[in-house]
Protein backbone atom coordinates (compact mmCIF):
# COMPACT_ATOMS: atom_id res chain seq x y z
CA MET A 1 22.72 60.68 -16.02
CA PRO A 2 21.08 57.25 -15.61
CA LYS A 3 18.29 56.80 -13.13
CA SER A 4 19.00 54.32 -10.36
CA ILE A 5 16.94 51.17 -10.64
CA ARG A 6 15.48 49.79 -7.46
CA GLY A 7 14.44 46.20 -6.90
CA TRP A 8 15.72 42.76 -6.06
CA THR A 9 18.11 40.81 -8.15
CA LEU A 10 17.49 37.19 -9.01
CA VAL A 11 20.27 36.12 -6.65
CA GLU A 12 18.76 38.05 -3.74
CA SER A 13 15.34 36.54 -4.41
CA MET A 14 16.77 33.02 -4.51
CA VAL A 15 18.60 33.55 -1.20
CA VAL A 16 15.42 34.79 0.48
CA LEU A 17 13.38 31.87 -0.92
CA SER A 18 15.93 29.31 0.24
CA ILE A 19 16.01 30.82 3.75
CA VAL A 20 12.19 30.70 3.90
CA ALA A 21 12.20 27.08 2.66
CA VAL A 22 14.73 26.02 5.31
CA MET A 23 12.72 27.74 8.08
CA ALA A 24 9.48 26.16 6.87
CA ALA A 25 11.06 22.70 6.74
CA TRP A 26 12.34 23.21 10.26
CA ALA A 27 8.98 24.42 11.65
CA LEU A 28 6.59 22.05 9.83
CA PRO A 29 7.10 18.93 12.00
CA SER A 30 6.43 20.81 15.22
CA PHE A 31 3.40 22.49 13.63
CA LEU A 32 1.99 19.10 12.59
CA SER A 33 2.62 17.78 16.08
CA ALA A 34 0.71 20.74 17.53
CA ILE A 35 -2.21 20.02 15.19
CA GLN A 36 -2.22 16.35 16.24
CA GLN A 37 -2.08 17.27 19.93
CA THR A 38 -5.00 19.65 19.46
CA ARG A 39 -7.03 17.05 17.58
CA LEU A 40 -6.31 14.47 20.30
CA ALA A 41 -7.28 16.92 23.05
CA ALA A 42 -10.52 17.78 21.23
CA ALA A 43 -11.47 14.11 20.82
CA THR A 44 -10.69 13.46 24.49
CA HIS A 45 -12.79 16.43 25.53
CA GLU A 46 -15.71 15.32 23.30
CA PHE A 47 -15.71 11.80 24.73
CA MET A 48 -15.26 13.00 28.31
CA SER A 49 -18.14 15.42 27.76
CA ALA A 50 -20.35 12.58 26.48
CA ILE A 51 -19.57 10.44 29.54
CA SER A 52 -20.28 13.33 31.90
CA LEU A 53 -23.54 14.07 30.09
CA ALA A 54 -24.57 10.40 30.31
CA ARG A 55 -23.98 10.42 34.05
CA SER A 56 -25.73 13.73 34.71
CA GLU A 57 -28.72 12.78 32.54
CA ALA A 58 -29.09 9.48 34.39
CA ILE A 59 -29.15 11.37 37.70
CA LYS A 60 -31.49 14.08 36.39
CA ARG A 61 -33.94 11.59 34.88
CA ASN A 62 -33.45 9.00 37.64
CA ALA A 63 -33.26 6.42 34.87
CA ARG A 64 -30.64 4.34 33.07
CA THR A 65 -28.76 6.07 30.27
CA VAL A 66 -26.53 4.28 27.79
CA LEU A 67 -23.63 5.67 25.81
CA CYS A 68 -22.87 3.20 23.03
CA VAL A 69 -20.74 2.81 19.92
CA ALA A 70 -23.02 4.10 17.17
CA VAL A 71 -23.79 2.63 13.80
CA SER A 72 -25.81 5.75 13.02
CA GLU A 73 -28.06 8.23 14.77
CA SER A 74 -30.65 5.49 15.03
CA GLY A 75 -28.83 2.67 16.78
CA CYS A 76 -25.88 1.06 18.53
CA ALA A 77 -23.26 -0.95 16.68
CA SER A 78 -22.44 -4.56 17.49
CA THR A 79 -18.96 -4.22 15.97
CA GLY A 80 -16.38 -1.47 15.75
CA HIS A 81 -14.94 1.02 18.19
CA TRP A 82 -15.78 4.38 19.72
CA ASN A 83 -13.99 6.36 16.96
CA GLN A 84 -16.86 5.52 14.57
CA GLY A 85 -19.13 7.68 16.74
CA TRP A 86 -21.36 7.30 19.76
CA LEU A 87 -24.96 7.61 20.78
CA LEU A 88 -26.41 8.58 24.15
CA PHE A 89 -29.98 7.62 24.97
CA GLU A 90 -32.34 7.02 27.87
CA ASP A 91 -32.73 3.26 28.19
CA VAL A 92 -36.22 2.98 29.70
CA ASN A 93 -36.43 -0.83 29.50
CA SER A 94 -32.74 -1.40 30.42
CA ASN A 95 -32.03 -3.65 27.43
CA GLY A 96 -29.01 -1.68 26.15
CA SER A 97 -30.41 -0.98 22.71
CA LEU A 98 -32.25 2.03 21.35
CA ASP A 99 -35.92 1.27 20.91
CA ALA A 100 -38.45 3.42 19.03
CA SER A 101 -40.00 4.75 22.24
CA GLU A 102 -36.66 5.81 23.79
CA ASN A 103 -35.18 9.31 23.57
CA VAL A 104 -31.85 10.06 21.90
CA ILE A 105 -30.04 12.58 24.05
CA ARG A 106 -26.93 13.10 21.94
CA TYR A 107 -25.28 11.70 18.83
CA GLN A 108 -21.64 12.14 17.82
CA SER A 109 -20.55 11.18 14.33
CA ALA A 110 -17.21 9.54 13.54
CA MET A 111 -14.01 11.18 14.72
CA HIS A 112 -10.97 11.93 12.55
CA ALA A 113 -9.84 8.86 10.60
CA ASP A 114 -6.33 8.87 12.13
CA LEU A 115 -7.69 8.54 15.67
CA VAL A 116 -8.36 5.27 17.48
CA ILE A 117 -10.79 5.36 20.40
CA LYS A 118 -10.98 1.92 21.92
CA GLY A 119 -12.26 0.66 25.26
CA ASN A 120 -11.12 -2.38 27.19
CA LYS A 121 -13.61 -5.23 27.65
CA PRO A 122 -15.97 -3.65 30.25
CA VAL A 123 -16.39 -0.43 28.22
CA GLU A 124 -15.74 -1.80 24.74
CA LYS A 125 -19.26 -1.25 23.34
CA TYR A 126 -21.20 0.79 25.90
CA ILE A 127 -21.12 2.74 29.16
CA SER A 128 -24.29 2.63 31.21
CA TYR A 129 -25.32 4.78 34.15
CA LEU A 130 -28.12 4.21 36.64
CA GLY A 131 -30.20 6.95 38.23
CA SER A 132 -27.80 6.94 41.19
CA GLY A 133 -24.96 8.10 38.92
CA ARG A 134 -23.08 4.82 39.18
CA SER A 135 -21.94 2.94 36.11
CA HIS A 136 -23.27 -0.61 35.86
CA THR A 137 -23.37 -3.18 33.09
CA LEU A 138 -26.72 -4.30 31.75
CA THR A 139 -26.43 -7.42 33.93
CA GLY A 140 -26.05 -5.27 37.06
CA ALA A 141 -22.31 -5.61 37.71
CA MET A 142 -20.16 -2.54 38.40
CA GLN A 143 -18.75 -1.12 35.19
CA LEU A 144 -15.26 0.25 35.35
CA GLY A 145 -12.72 0.38 32.58
CA THR A 146 -10.46 2.44 30.35
CA VAL A 147 -11.06 4.04 26.98
CA SER A 148 -7.82 4.84 25.15
CA ILE A 149 -7.56 7.62 22.57
CA CYS A 150 -4.48 7.80 20.35
CA TYR A 151 -3.22 8.00 16.78
CA ARG A 152 -3.01 4.95 14.55
CA THR A 153 0.48 5.69 13.30
CA ASN A 154 2.15 8.59 15.10
CA ILE A 155 4.14 7.57 18.17
CA GLU A 156 5.42 11.13 18.73
CA VAL A 157 2.11 12.20 20.30
CA SER A 158 1.13 10.72 23.67
CA GLY A 159 -2.37 9.29 23.73
CA ARG A 160 -4.98 9.78 26.43
CA ALA A 161 -6.87 7.35 28.61
CA ILE A 162 -10.28 8.01 30.13
CA VAL A 163 -10.55 5.85 33.23
CA LEU A 164 -13.96 5.05 34.69
CA ASN A 165 -13.68 4.32 38.42
CA VAL A 166 -15.82 2.14 40.66
CA VAL A 167 -18.53 4.78 41.16
CA GLY A 168 -18.59 5.76 37.49
CA ARG A 169 -16.56 8.96 37.72
CA PRO A 170 -14.31 9.49 34.68
CA ARG A 171 -10.80 10.97 34.77
CA VAL A 172 -8.23 11.60 32.06
CA SER A 173 -4.63 10.42 32.14
CA THR A 174 -1.81 10.54 29.62
CA LEU A 175 -0.60 7.32 28.00
CA LYS A 176 3.10 6.60 27.63
CA LEU A 177 4.55 6.97 24.15
CA THR A 178 5.03 3.20 24.08
CA ASP A 179 1.35 2.48 24.83
CA THR A 180 -0.93 1.86 21.87
CA CYS A 181 -4.66 1.74 21.39
CA GLU A 182 -4.66 -1.22 19.04
């Protein structure tokens, strides 16, 4: 009497593998979209946190603080955009650049390479707060503007916009799918 042999046949294994492959191919795009949404939300939160910190530090210190596009931990960049990183410092002499005697409050290195973080003209290179908590340019004018955060290539994921109002308070809004950062 032969013993019964238990196990899977080659045909059964191939059917299971093809079902798993079809399900993975179906789920992968939505999984990638979820990863991109999470990365976008994290970048938005990081930048919003930096703006809020700049404002609260200016009030706490009763002095000007500047959040600028960073070239490194030691200075502001004259070219580039926010996605290359940012630097927050107390600007004691109100010249908009980090001097040796001024304190660095926070430094953020470059964000993910697929992200674009770009401000319109008033907030293109820096955001500056006075001790009153209001945002003003280095020349003294009110500073209000929009920083857009989105992906370079993917139009399936809606970008975000951080809008700085007339008193310097930031808020987040969602960009339309047709809006771009570039």
